[in-house]
Amino acid sequence: MRLHLPHDLTIKLKAELRRAGSREIGGVLVGEHIGDAEFRLVDLSIQRRGGNDASFLRRPEQHVSFLQEFFIRTGGAYERFNYIGEWHSHPSFAVTPSIVDLRQMQDIVSAGPNAPHFAVLIVARLENEKIRLSSLAFRPQQPPASVEIVISERPVGDPSLQPAGWWQKLFVSRPRRRRRIRVI
């Protein structure tokens, strides 16, 4: 699997890692399916609370509005734009997932019929003002697989960057049919 990480998101991530210092932080990853086993990270949420120097407790309820805004922004095109995983920092440890991280990600993809088909985990660390990353993909009943991360620029006219301010929320048409959010 290959994941394209836009340069502007590395800047956002670096600022958040710097702000958090030695405290672990994390969030949700949303992206665009651009090819066979190829995705582009579109955005990431930031959960600043729930972590300490040695652990991070993910709180999914804190990311609901982020996901809702993302789906509005991308016009409810769930097959193309969707949840692709989670991220968190290891400021005091190696950028490899812990046993707890591995279990949590496997639980996400094994959570029944509404579970995503896969989920990516990115572990990040700021070292000397450079971001170190590791990434794995999880699928039900399969071992984690390596994910290649490619730093790139956003495509011209990126449809995922439509404004999502209050004006947009009030006046942009939303998908007409109510659909259950399907995670790919």
Protein backbone atom coordinates (compact mmCIF):
# COMPACT_ATOMS: atom_id res chain seq x y z
CA MET A 1 0.00 0.00 0.00
CA ARG A 2 1.15 3.54 -0.77
CA LEU A 3 0.01 6.66 1.06
CA HIS A 4 0.68 10.12 -0.39
CA LEU A 5 1.18 12.66 2.39
CA PRO A 6 0.75 16.28 1.25
CA HIS A 7 3.56 18.59 2.30
CA ASP A 8 1.13 21.01 4.00
CA LEU A 9 0.00 18.21 6.33
CA THR A 10 3.61 17.52 7.36
CA ILE A 11 3.84 21.20 8.37
CA LYS A 12 0.59 20.90 10.37
CA LEU A 13 1.80 17.70 12.01
CA LYS A 14 5.19 19.19 12.87
CA ALA A 15 3.54 22.19 14.55
CA GLU A 16 1.24 19.95 16.60
CA LEU A 17 4.09 17.64 17.65
CA ARG A 18 6.16 20.66 18.70
CA ARG A 19 3.20 22.06 20.68
CA ALA A 20 2.61 18.73 22.47
CA GLY A 21 6.23 18.35 23.57
CA SER A 22 6.69 15.09 25.47
CA ARG A 23 2.93 14.37 25.62
CA GLU A 24 1.44 11.86 23.17
CA ILE A 25 -1.27 13.18 20.84
CA GLY A 26 -3.16 11.66 17.93
CA GLY A 27 -6.18 11.72 15.70
CA VAL A 28 -8.06 10.39 12.70
CA LEU A 29 -6.80 10.13 9.11
CA VAL A 30 -9.09 10.80 6.14
CA GLY A 31 -8.09 10.31 2.56
CA GLU A 32 -8.82 9.81 -1.08
CA HIS A 33 -8.62 6.51 -2.95
CA ILE A 34 -6.51 7.33 -6.03
CA GLY A 35 -5.55 3.92 -7.34
CA ASP A 36 -5.14 0.24 -6.60
CA ALA A 37 -3.82 0.16 -3.00
CA GLU A 38 -2.92 3.85 -3.35
CA PHE A 39 -4.36 6.64 -1.22
CA ARG A 40 -3.78 10.32 -0.63
CA LEU A 41 -4.07 11.65 2.88
CA VAL A 42 -6.47 14.59 2.69
CA ASP A 43 -6.58 15.71 6.32
CA LEU A 44 -6.02 14.63 9.89
CA SER A 45 -7.74 15.55 13.10
CA ILE A 46 -5.86 16.51 16.25
CA GLN A 47 -6.77 15.13 19.67
CA ARG A 48 -4.64 17.09 22.12
CA ARG A 49 -6.06 15.55 25.30
CA GLY A 50 -5.92 11.95 26.42
CA GLY A 51 -2.20 11.47 26.21
CA ASN A 52 0.68 11.65 28.63
CA ASP A 53 4.42 10.95 28.38
CA ALA A 54 3.92 7.21 27.87
CA SER A 55 0.51 6.57 26.33
CA PHE A 56 -2.35 7.91 24.26
CA LEU A 57 -6.04 7.12 24.80
CA ARG A 58 -8.01 7.56 21.59
CA ARG A 59 -11.44 9.11 22.05
CA PRO A 60 -13.44 8.49 18.85
CA GLU A 61 -16.31 10.75 19.95
CA GLN A 62 -13.95 13.74 19.73
CA HIS A 63 -13.56 13.20 15.97
CA VAL A 64 -17.22 12.90 14.92
CA SER A 65 -17.61 16.55 13.85
CA PHE A 66 -14.28 16.42 11.98
CA LEU A 67 -15.52 13.38 10.02
CA GLN A 68 -18.94 14.94 9.36
CA GLU A 69 -17.35 18.12 8.00
CA PHE A 70 -15.00 16.07 5.83
CA PHE A 71 -17.91 14.12 4.31
CA ILE A 72 -19.82 17.35 3.65
CA ARG A 73 -16.73 18.92 2.08
CA THR A 74 -16.24 15.92 -0.21
CA GLY A 75 -19.90 15.70 -1.21
CA GLY A 76 -20.60 12.35 0.41
CA ALA A 77 -18.46 10.51 -2.17
CA TYR A 78 -17.66 7.72 0.29
CA GLU A 79 -16.15 5.37 -2.27
CA ARG A 80 -13.55 8.01 -3.13
CA PHE A 81 -13.13 9.97 0.14
CA ASN A 82 -13.28 8.23 3.49
CA TYR A 83 -11.76 7.38 6.85
CA ILE A 84 -8.44 5.62 6.35
CA GLY A 85 -7.08 5.24 9.84
CA GLU A 86 -5.51 6.73 12.92
CA TRP A 87 -2.29 8.42 13.93
CA HIS A 88 -0.55 9.23 17.17
CA SER A 89 2.83 10.33 18.43
CA HIS A 90 5.59 8.58 20.31
CA PRO A 91 7.68 11.54 21.52
CA SER A 92 9.59 9.41 24.05
CA PHE A 93 9.73 6.10 22.20
CA ALA A 94 10.61 4.64 18.81
CA VAL A 95 8.14 5.23 15.97
CA THR A 96 7.11 1.60 16.00
CA PRO A 97 3.63 0.66 17.25
CA SER A 98 3.38 -0.78 20.75
CA ILE A 99 1.51 -4.02 21.49
CA VAL A 100 -1.43 -1.87 22.66
CA ASP A 101 -1.36 0.07 19.36
CA LEU A 102 -1.37 -3.17 17.37
CA ARG A 103 -4.32 -4.56 19.34
CA GLN A 104 -6.35 -1.35 19.07
CA MET A 105 -5.91 -1.18 15.30
CA GLN A 106 -6.80 -4.84 14.87
CA ASP A 107 -9.91 -4.21 17.01
CA ILE A 108 -10.93 -1.33 14.71
CA VAL A 109 -10.89 -3.53 11.59
CA SER A 110 -12.49 -6.49 13.38
CA ALA A 111 -15.42 -4.61 14.95
CA GLY A 112 -18.16 -6.38 13.02
CA PRO A 113 -20.05 -5.69 9.79
CA ASN A 114 -19.60 -1.90 9.98
CA ALA A 115 -15.84 -2.11 10.51
CA PRO A 116 -13.58 -0.62 7.83
CA HIS A 117 -12.03 -3.04 5.33
CA PHE A 118 -8.64 -1.72 6.40
CA ALA A 119 -7.14 0.97 8.62
CA VAL A 120 -3.75 2.65 8.48
CA LEU A 121 -1.80 3.55 11.61
CA ILE A 122 0.84 6.27 11.44
CA VAL A 123 3.17 6.71 14.41
CA ALA A 124 5.02 10.04 14.42
CA ARG A 125 7.86 11.62 16.32
CA LEU A 126 9.62 14.96 16.07
CA GLU A 127 13.43 14.64 16.16
CA ASN A 128 15.63 17.71 15.68
CA GLU A 129 12.76 19.49 13.88
CA LYS A 130 12.31 16.58 11.46
CA ILE A 131 9.33 14.26 11.47
CA ARG A 132 9.97 10.54 11.68
CA LEU A 133 7.05 8.34 10.63
CA SER A 134 6.18 4.68 10.49
CA SER A 135 3.03 3.29 8.97
CA LEU A 136 1.20 -0.03 8.91
CA ALA A 137 -2.06 -1.16 7.32
CA PHE A 138 -4.41 -3.46 9.23
CA ARG A 139 -6.99 -5.81 7.77
CA PRO A 140 -9.23 -8.34 9.52
CA GLN A 141 -7.54 -11.65 10.26
CA GLN A 142 -4.29 -10.64 8.55
CA PRO A 143 -0.95 -9.49 9.91
CA PRO A 144 -0.14 -5.77 9.62
CA ALA A 145 1.43 -4.77 6.30
CA SER A 146 3.96 -2.06 5.61
CA VAL A 147 2.73 1.21 4.06
CA GLU A 148 5.01 3.33 1.90
CA ILE A 149 4.62 7.03 2.69
CA VAL A 150 5.37 9.46 -0.14
CA ILE A 151 5.58 13.19 0.62
CA SER A 152 3.94 15.10 -2.24
CA GLU A 153 2.14 18.28 -3.16
CA ARG A 154 -1.65 18.45 -3.35
CA PRO A 155 -3.16 18.11 -6.81
CA VAL A 156 -4.22 21.30 -8.57
CA GLY A 157 -7.91 21.98 -7.87
CA ASP A 158 -7.98 19.51 -4.98
CA PRO A 159 -11.72 18.77 -4.50
CA SER A 160 -11.20 17.94 -0.83
CA LEU A 161 -10.17 21.51 -0.02
CA GLN A 162 -13.53 23.16 -0.57
CA PRO A 163 -14.13 25.76 2.12
CA ALA A 164 -16.01 24.45 5.12
CA GLY A 165 -16.72 27.67 7.02
CA TRP A 166 -20.12 28.64 8.40
CA TRP A 167 -21.21 30.08 5.02
CA GLN A 168 -20.38 26.80 3.27
CA LYS A 169 -22.21 24.76 5.90
CA LEU A 170 -25.36 26.84 5.53
CA PHE A 171 -25.57 27.16 1.77
CA VAL A 172 -23.80 24.21 0.15
CA SER A 173 -26.11 21.44 -0.91
CA ARG A 174 -25.53 18.23 0.94
CA PRO A 175 -25.98 14.75 -0.46
CA ARG A 176 -29.71 14.30 -1.06
CA ARG A 177 -30.06 10.75 0.09
CA ARG A 178 -29.35 10.02 3.67
CA ARG A 179 -26.74 7.33 3.66
CA ARG A 180 -25.12 5.45 6.35
CA ILE A 181 -21.47 6.46 6.47
CA ARG A 182 -19.59 3.54 5.03
CA VAL A 183 -15.94 3.31 5.95
CA ILE A 184 -13.73 1.75 3.28
